[in-house]
Amino acid sequence: MINSTESHQGLCESRPVIERLPFPAALWSPDRQSCVFNNYVSRLLGFSENDFLQESSLWIERIHPKDRDSFISAWRQIQSGENNSASCYYRFQPGGRSEQIRMREDLFSYPLRKNKPAVVWSLYAQQEDSDKEILESPSIRDFLNGFNHEIGNGLQAIKGEIDLLLLAGSLPPQSVRAVDRGIQRIAELTDEVNEYLSSTAAEPWRENPARTICEVIQSSSERLKDRGDRIAVEFKDPLPEVPIGSDFFNAFKRVIDFSCALLPKGGDLKIKADVNRIGAAFDIELQVINVSPSCLDVEEKEVFRPYLKVNDYRVGLTMVLARQILRRHFGKIIFQKEQRNRGVFSISIKVPSDKSI
């Protein structure tokens, strides 16, 4: 039987993970006697986790009486094992504030480690008057579920290697590398989530995509060379500068990284770019053509799916972020598998009307 002190200690081990999340999140024991908050939750509620550890009824007392049934029902679904996820909406009275806030709480029951009791992840979103919310879209729910799963995998890898250390009395070099990879993977995931959820920056500066393409290829040259990828670049027309700042570098770099995952045993990577006139408007049209010596291990509909794994390489949010970045600049990206061993990324970016060619 796990007592409340042991349960809280177990939750505290995951504090570094939830502190890196860029939105309000908490971990709860299923009986709600133990909890760990990140700073976003404390700022949202006006209470610390210690306030609720000392007085477990404080949370329900702060919920509007008419909304308590919704909160209790959602938690009972999790506690009974009826569902491993649930959601509820309620009005909450934060500490030190006179007005209530409207809030949505999304619950996910998931073990922090294999063969360990499940804990409850709580994700919070404050509702505006328009009731627009960050977690309403089913795709966002899938996004967070996948993120939770990836964190669990990373933590499990770290725990397994630490267990070996305890048994052997030393940590072999290969275990050091495995621990480092696990920690690095978690850091990469949280950085990607932060980028995905962050707001856009101020007006970006003008940049020439041709120059950016060359810079990305140069930055990836060692990796491409090691994999035996042959690269060819063709600019049919001079490309105009467009106000994309460093965003295009970030998006195109992700496309090249994904292409590396598609061609683990080498292949041909051809980049073609030109300008397409549509009436009085201009688009920059870019193709990244991947040709593998064998079958491409990916389907068209999967390329932009979060947390995709290609040829044993976890691409995380690589293409999700690339598409999001391009959409900010009236651009788009699609992937077509033209043949079993040939896939093409097609990128289009609108040139502002005040820019002549």
Protein backbone atom coordinates (compact mmCIF):
# COMPACT_ATOMS: atom_id res chain seq x y z
CA MET A 1 0.00 0.00 0.00
CA ILE A 2 1.46 3.38 -1.01
CA ASN A 3 1.00 6.04 1.66
CA SER A 4 0.39 9.72 0.91
CA THR A 5 4.03 10.67 1.62
CA GLU A 6 5.36 8.08 -0.87
CA SER A 7 2.75 9.14 -3.42
CA HIS A 8 3.76 12.80 -3.15
CA GLN A 9 7.44 11.93 -3.42
CA GLY A 10 6.69 10.02 -6.63
CA LEU A 11 4.88 13.03 -8.09
CA CYS A 12 7.72 15.35 -7.09
CA GLU A 13 10.13 13.32 -9.23
CA SER A 14 8.26 14.65 -12.28
CA ARG A 15 8.38 18.30 -11.22
CA PRO A 16 11.19 19.16 -13.72
CA VAL A 17 8.99 17.86 -16.54
CA ILE A 18 5.82 19.83 -15.80
CA GLU A 19 7.83 22.97 -15.00
CA ARG A 20 8.98 22.99 -18.65
CA LEU A 21 5.44 22.79 -20.04
CA PRO A 22 4.37 26.14 -21.53
CA PHE A 23 0.80 25.96 -20.17
CA PRO A 24 -0.87 25.34 -16.76
CA ALA A 25 -0.43 21.68 -15.78
CA ALA A 26 -0.50 19.64 -12.59
CA LEU A 27 -0.05 16.04 -11.48
CA TRP A 28 -2.48 14.57 -8.96
CA SER A 29 -2.72 11.29 -7.12
CA PRO A 30 -6.07 9.65 -8.02
CA ASP A 31 -7.39 10.35 -4.50
CA ARG A 32 -6.42 14.06 -4.87
CA GLN A 33 -4.46 13.94 -1.63
CA SER A 34 -1.15 14.72 -3.33
CA CYS A 35 -0.33 17.14 -6.14
CA VAL A 36 2.46 18.92 -7.96
CA PHE A 37 1.87 22.20 -9.86
CA ASN A 38 3.92 24.12 -12.36
CA ASN A 39 4.23 27.90 -12.00
CA TYR A 40 1.49 28.56 -14.57
CA VAL A 41 -1.07 26.80 -12.35
CA SER A 42 -0.02 28.72 -9.24
CA ARG A 43 -0.35 32.04 -11.09
CA LEU A 44 -3.73 31.03 -12.54
CA LEU A 45 -5.21 29.88 -9.21
CA GLY A 46 -3.54 32.26 -6.79
CA PHE A 47 -2.71 29.22 -4.63
CA SER A 48 0.30 26.97 -4.26
CA GLU A 49 0.17 23.19 -4.21
CA ASN A 50 0.86 23.31 -0.46
CA ASP A 51 -2.45 25.13 0.08
CA PHE A 52 -4.32 22.15 -1.32
CA LEU A 53 -2.08 19.58 0.39
CA GLN A 54 -2.95 21.16 3.75
CA GLU A 55 -6.67 21.49 2.98
CA SER A 56 -7.88 19.00 0.35
CA SER A 57 -11.43 20.47 0.30
CA LEU A 58 -10.17 23.93 -0.66
CA TRP A 59 -10.45 23.29 -4.42
CA ILE A 60 -14.10 22.20 -4.37
CA GLU A 61 -14.97 25.08 -2.04
CA ARG A 62 -13.57 27.53 -4.62
CA ILE A 63 -15.76 26.15 -7.44
CA HIS A 64 -19.15 27.77 -8.03
CA PRO A 65 -21.83 25.60 -6.34
CA LYS A 66 -23.69 25.08 -9.63
CA ASP A 67 -20.53 23.76 -11.32
CA ARG A 68 -19.36 21.33 -8.65
CA ASP A 69 -21.29 18.35 -10.04
CA SER A 70 -19.42 18.62 -13.36
CA PHE A 71 -16.07 18.65 -11.57
CA ILE A 72 -16.95 15.73 -9.28
CA SER A 73 -18.36 13.68 -12.17
CA ALA A 74 -15.20 14.07 -14.28
CA TRP A 75 -12.97 13.01 -11.41
CA ARG A 76 -15.14 10.03 -10.54
CA GLN A 77 -14.77 8.75 -14.11
CA ILE A 78 -11.00 8.77 -13.65
CA GLN A 79 -10.97 7.39 -10.10
CA SER A 80 -13.31 4.50 -10.96
CA GLY A 81 -11.33 3.54 -14.05
CA GLU A 82 -14.43 4.09 -16.21
CA ASN A 83 -12.39 6.39 -18.48
CA ASN A 84 -8.71 7.35 -18.69
CA SER A 85 -9.60 10.89 -19.79
CA ALA A 86 -12.33 13.38 -18.94
CA SER A 87 -13.08 17.10 -19.13
CA CYS A 88 -15.07 19.58 -17.10
CA TYR A 89 -15.91 23.28 -17.12
CA TYR A 90 -16.40 25.37 -14.01
CA ARG A 91 -16.16 28.80 -12.45
CA PHE A 92 -13.33 29.10 -9.95
CA GLN A 93 -12.51 31.74 -7.33
CA PRO A 94 -8.72 32.35 -7.40
CA GLY A 95 -6.95 33.37 -4.23
CA GLY A 96 -6.58 37.11 -3.72
CA ARG A 97 -9.08 38.03 -6.46
CA SER A 98 -12.66 39.22 -6.18
CA GLU A 99 -13.90 37.90 -9.53
CA GLN A 100 -14.25 34.28 -10.64
CA ILE A 101 -12.59 32.84 -13.70
CA ARG A 102 -14.12 30.39 -16.17
CA MET A 103 -11.90 27.37 -16.55
CA ARG A 104 -11.67 24.08 -18.38
CA GLU A 105 -9.85 21.14 -16.82
CA ASP A 106 -8.76 18.17 -18.96
CA LEU A 107 -7.82 15.01 -17.07
CA PHE A 108 -5.63 12.17 -18.32
CA SER A 109 -4.83 9.07 -16.26
CA TYR A 110 -1.40 7.72 -17.15
CA PRO A 111 1.43 5.95 -15.27
CA LEU A 112 4.65 7.91 -14.93
CA ARG A 113 6.58 4.69 -15.27
CA LYS A 114 5.87 1.18 -16.50
CA ASN A 115 4.26 -1.14 -13.95
CA LYS A 116 3.59 1.80 -11.62
CA PRO A 117 0.19 3.15 -10.47
CA ALA A 118 -1.32 5.77 -12.74
CA VAL A 119 -1.32 9.43 -11.83
CA VAL A 120 -3.69 12.07 -13.15
CA TRP A 121 -2.45 14.82 -15.46
CA SER A 122 -4.60 17.94 -15.19
CA LEU A 123 -4.32 20.55 -17.94
CA TYR A 124 -6.02 23.89 -17.35
CA ALA A 125 -7.21 26.57 -19.74
CA GLN A 126 -8.85 29.81 -18.69
CA GLN A 127 -11.94 30.57 -20.79
CA GLU A 128 -12.57 33.96 -22.31
CA ASP A 129 -16.05 35.45 -22.50
CA SER A 130 -16.37 34.11 -26.03
CA ASP A 131 -15.73 30.58 -24.65
CA LYS A 132 -12.93 30.09 -27.12
CA GLU A 133 -10.49 27.59 -25.68
CA ILE A 134 -7.13 26.19 -26.51
CA LEU A 135 -8.11 22.56 -25.86
CA GLU A 136 -11.41 22.33 -27.74
CA SER A 137 -10.12 20.80 -30.97
CA PRO A 138 -9.88 16.98 -30.97
CA SER A 139 -6.55 17.32 -32.75
CA ILE A 140 -5.17 19.29 -29.80
CA ARG A 141 -6.39 16.55 -27.46
CA ASP A 142 -4.52 13.97 -29.56
CA PHE A 143 -1.53 16.30 -29.54
CA LEU A 144 -1.45 16.39 -25.74
CA ASN A 145 -2.06 12.66 -25.40
CA GLY A 146 0.87 11.97 -27.70
CA PHE A 147 3.05 14.44 -25.83
CA ASN A 148 2.20 12.70 -22.57
CA HIS A 149 3.13 9.34 -24.11
CA GLU A 150 6.46 10.65 -25.38
CA ILE A 151 7.35 12.06 -21.95
CA GLY A 152 6.53 8.68 -20.42
CA ASN A 153 8.82 6.89 -22.88
CA GLY A 154 11.69 9.24 -22.10
CA LEU A 155 11.26 8.92 -18.35
CA GLN A 156 11.05 5.14 -18.62
CA ALA A 157 14.35 5.04 -20.52
CA ILE A 158 16.02 7.16 -17.85
CA LYS A 159 14.58 5.06 -15.01
CA GLY A 160 15.73 1.80 -16.66
CA GLU A 161 19.29 3.01 -16.96
CA ILE A 162 19.34 4.29 -13.37
CA ASP A 163 18.11 0.88 -12.19
CA LEU A 164 21.06 -0.71 -13.99
CA LEU A 165 23.38 1.71 -12.21
CA LEU A 166 21.97 0.73 -8.83
CA LEU A 167 22.38 -2.97 -9.58
CA ALA A 168 25.89 -2.72 -11.05
CA GLY A 169 27.24 -0.05 -8.76
CA SER A 170 28.54 1.96 -11.71
CA LEU A 171 27.25 3.62 -14.82
CA PRO A 172 28.72 2.29 -18.11
CA PRO A 173 29.42 4.80 -20.90
CA GLN A 174 26.58 3.41 -23.03
CA SER A 175 24.18 4.02 -20.15
CA VAL A 176 25.41 7.58 -19.81
CA ARG A 177 24.58 8.12 -23.47
CA ALA A 178 21.14 6.52 -23.06
CA VAL A 179 20.31 8.77 -20.09
CA ASP A 180 21.54 11.80 -22.02
CA ARG A 181 19.39 10.88 -25.04
CA GLY A 182 16.32 10.49 -22.85
CA ILE A 183 16.80 13.86 -21.20
CA GLN A 184 17.58 15.53 -24.52
CA ARG A 185 14.45 14.05 -26.10
CA ILE A 186 12.23 15.43 -23.34
CA ALA A 187 13.87 18.85 -23.69
CA GLU A 188 13.32 18.81 -27.47
CA LEU A 189 9.65 17.88 -27.06
CA THR A 190 8.93 20.62 -24.56
CA ASP A 191 10.72 23.18 -26.76
CA GLU A 192 8.63 22.07 -29.74
CA VAL A 193 5.40 22.37 -27.75
CA ASN A 194 6.44 25.84 -26.60
CA GLU A 195 7.10 26.85 -30.22
CA TYR A 196 3.79 25.37 -31.35
CA LEU A 197 1.77 27.26 -28.74
CA SER A 198 3.71 30.53 -28.81
CA SER A 199 2.28 33.64 -30.44
CA THR A 200 3.78 35.06 -33.61
CA ALA A 201 6.56 37.62 -33.39
CA ALA A 202 6.54 41.21 -34.59
CA GLU A 203 6.87 42.20 -38.25
CA PRO A 204 9.72 40.02 -39.64
CA TRP A 205 12.49 41.34 -41.85
CA ARG A 206 12.80 40.59 -45.57
CA GLU A 207 14.88 37.59 -46.48
CA ASN A 208 15.83 35.92 -49.76
CA PRO A 209 14.63 32.27 -49.73
CA ALA A 210 17.46 31.22 -52.10
CA ARG A 211 20.05 32.38 -49.58
CA THR A 212 18.16 30.64 -46.78
CA ILE A 213 18.00 27.36 -48.74
CA CYS A 214 21.79 27.43 -49.21
CA GLU A 215 22.32 28.17 -45.50
CA VAL A 216 20.12 25.24 -44.46
CA ILE A 217 21.94 22.86 -46.81
CA GLN A 218 25.27 24.07 -45.46
CA SER A 219 24.15 23.58 -41.84
CA SER A 220 22.95 20.04 -42.66
CA SER A 221 25.85 19.09 -44.96
CA GLU A 222 27.68 16.82 -42.51
CA ARG A 223 24.55 14.88 -41.66
CA LEU A 224 23.56 14.51 -45.31
CA LYS A 225 27.07 13.40 -46.24
CA ASP A 226 27.16 10.78 -43.47
CA ARG A 227 23.91 9.29 -44.75
CA GLY A 228 25.16 9.20 -48.33
CA ASP A 229 22.56 11.66 -49.66
CA ARG A 230 23.31 13.29 -53.01
CA ILE A 231 22.04 16.88 -53.21
CA ALA A 232 21.18 19.00 -56.23
CA VAL A 233 19.76 22.53 -56.18
CA GLU A 234 18.11 24.26 -59.14
CA PHE A 235 16.81 27.86 -59.17
CA LYS A 236 14.88 28.48 -62.39
CA ASP A 237 14.30 32.17 -61.58
CA PRO A 238 15.86 34.68 -59.20
CA LEU A 239 13.78 34.55 -56.02
CA PRO A 240 12.44 37.81 -54.55
CA GLU A 241 12.92 38.78 -50.93
CA VAL A 242 9.88 38.22 -48.75
CA PRO A 243 9.13 39.31 -45.13
CA ILE A 244 9.76 35.98 -43.41
CA GLY A 245 12.73 36.76 -41.16
CA SER A 246 14.26 33.57 -39.74
CA ASP A 247 10.97 31.67 -39.98
CA PHE A 248 11.67 30.19 -43.40
CA PHE A 249 15.03 28.89 -42.20
CA ASN A 250 13.28 27.09 -39.33
CA ALA A 251 10.56 25.66 -41.58
CA PHE A 252 12.89 24.55 -44.39
CA LYS A 253 15.36 23.06 -41.91
CA ARG A 254 12.56 20.87 -40.58
CA VAL A 255 11.73 19.69 -44.10
CA ILE A 256 15.37 18.72 -44.68
CA ASP A 257 15.52 16.96 -41.29
CA PHE A 258 12.42 14.97 -42.24
CA SER A 259 13.99 14.14 -45.61
CA CYS A 260 17.03 12.76 -43.77
CA ALA A 261 14.69 10.47 -41.85
CA LEU A 262 13.10 9.36 -45.13
CA LEU A 263 16.49 8.45 -46.62
CA PRO A 264 18.31 6.55 -43.85
CA LYS A 265 20.45 4.59 -46.35
CA GLY A 266 21.19 7.45 -48.71
CA GLY A 267 19.41 8.60 -51.82
CA ASP A 268 18.86 11.65 -53.99
CA LEU A 269 17.62 14.94 -52.60
CA LYS A 270 16.76 17.50 -55.26
CA ILE A 271 15.60 21.04 -54.49
CA LYS A 272 13.90 23.08 -57.20
CA ALA A 273 12.63 26.65 -56.88
CA ASP A 274 11.04 29.16 -59.22
CA VAL A 275 8.46 31.96 -59.30
CA ASN A 276 4.90 31.36 -60.45
CA ARG A 277 2.73 34.22 -61.72
CA ILE A 278 -1.03 33.97 -61.05
CA GLY A 279 -2.67 37.03 -62.61
CA ALA A 280 -1.12 40.01 -60.86
CA ALA A 281 0.11 37.90 -57.94
CA PHE A 282 3.35 35.98 -57.54
CA ASP A 283 4.13 32.83 -55.60
CA ILE A 284 7.49 31.30 -54.80
CA GLU A 285 7.19 27.61 -55.65
CA LEU A 286 9.63 25.22 -54.04
CA GLN A 287 9.97 21.44 -54.34
CA VAL A 288 12.02 19.09 -52.18
CA ILE A 289 12.21 15.76 -54.02
CA ASN A 290 13.23 12.65 -52.10
CA VAL A 291 14.28 9.58 -54.09
CA SER A 292 15.19 6.49 -52.08
CA PRO A 293 17.01 3.37 -53.36
CA SER A 294 14.19 1.44 -51.69
CA CYS A 295 10.57 2.11 -50.70
CA LEU A 296 9.83 5.30 -48.72
CA ASP A 297 8.63 4.22 -45.29
CA VAL A 298 5.83 6.79 -44.93
CA GLU A 299 2.29 7.41 -46.16
CA GLU A 300 1.07 10.76 -47.49
CA LYS A 301 -1.58 11.20 -44.79
CA GLU A 302 0.90 10.51 -41.98
CA VAL A 303 3.57 13.10 -42.78
CA PHE A 304 1.94 15.93 -40.81
CA ARG A 305 0.87 13.75 -37.89
CA PRO A 306 2.42 14.69 -34.51
CA TYR A 307 4.98 12.29 -33.01
CA LEU A 308 5.43 10.29 -36.18
CA LYS A 309 8.22 7.71 -36.22
CA VAL A 310 10.01 7.22 -39.56
CA ASN A 311 12.71 4.57 -40.03
CA ASP A 312 13.24 4.34 -36.25
CA TYR A 313 13.68 8.13 -36.06
CA ARG A 314 11.16 10.09 -33.99
CA VAL A 315 10.38 13.25 -35.91
CA GLY A 316 8.28 14.78 -33.10
CA LEU A 317 6.45 17.90 -34.29
CA THR A 318 8.86 18.50 -37.17
CA MET A 319 6.35 18.80 -40.00
CA VAL A 320 3.51 20.13 -37.82
CA LEU A 321 5.72 23.13 -36.99
CA ALA A 322 6.93 23.54 -40.58
CA ARG A 323 3.34 23.77 -41.81
CA GLN A 324 2.37 26.16 -39.01
CA ILE A 325 5.31 28.47 -39.77
CA LEU A 326 4.49 28.61 -43.47
CA ARG A 327 0.82 29.35 -42.79
CA ARG A 328 1.87 32.44 -40.84
CA HIS A 329 3.31 33.81 -44.08
CA PHE A 330 0.44 32.87 -46.38
CA GLY A 331 2.31 29.79 -47.44
CA LYS A 332 1.42 26.13 -47.61
CA ILE A 333 3.15 22.77 -47.81
CA ILE A 334 1.91 19.41 -49.07
CA PHE A 335 3.53 16.00 -49.50
CA GLN A 336 2.87 13.61 -52.37
CA LYS A 337 4.21 10.11 -52.74
CA GLU A 338 4.49 10.02 -56.51
CA GLN A 339 6.09 6.57 -56.60
CA ARG A 340 6.88 3.92 -54.00
CA ASN A 341 10.41 5.33 -53.67
CA ARG A 342 9.80 9.00 -54.58
CA GLY A 343 8.16 11.63 -52.37
CA VAL A 344 7.83 15.35 -53.04
CA PHE A 345 7.31 18.25 -50.65
CA SER A 346 5.72 21.19 -52.48
CA ILE A 347 5.99 24.56 -50.76
CA SER A 348 4.25 27.74 -51.91
CA ILE A 349 4.80 31.22 -50.44
CA LYS A 350 2.86 34.28 -51.55
CA VAL A 351 4.93 37.31 -52.50
CA PRO A 352 3.42 40.52 -51.06
CA SER A 353 1.70 42.67 -53.70
CA ASP A 354 4.03 45.61 -53.02
CA LYS A 355 7.00 43.54 -54.16
CA SER A 356 7.66 43.64 -57.89
CA ILE A 357 9.76 41.03 -59.74
